[in-house]
Amino acid sequence: LESEFKEVATITLSNLSKHDVYDIFKEPVSEEEVPNYSETIKNPMDFSTMKNKIEQGDYGNGSNAAAELYEDVLLTFDNCRSFNVEGEVVDEATNVFVLVPLVFAKACEEVMRSSGSSTPRGKRI
């Protein structure tokens, strides 16, 4: 089960990154790039941090791991909106965020297909 979560999570994050055209969420926000970011955002999150957490097994496995990953995805977008309020950055974030359910579902389908399972019923990720 753990390897399936890692595979689904890795595919999901990779595909979300492809839609992050301006690499807004690619790496942690640095104080050099965005002064005072850490004063406003107390729990920063980005795609590279999530990728590291997946690789290190920090999310665990199964549905709890998927829920924790989703919480980090939400945190990434919440932070963006909190810091930027509105404008092009928030618009770009919204374009990526609305794709999360579809990208996750397609990653699940891809993993299921590659594992030879024809139906998701009874299969936990």
Foldseek 3Di string as FASTA:
>chain_A
DLVLVLQLLVQLLVVLCVLLVVQPQVDWDDCVNPPPLCVQQVDEAGSVVLNVCSVVCVLPDWPSSVVVSVVRLVSNLVSQCRVVVDDDSNVSSVSSVVCNVVSSVVSNVVSCVVVPHPDCPPPID
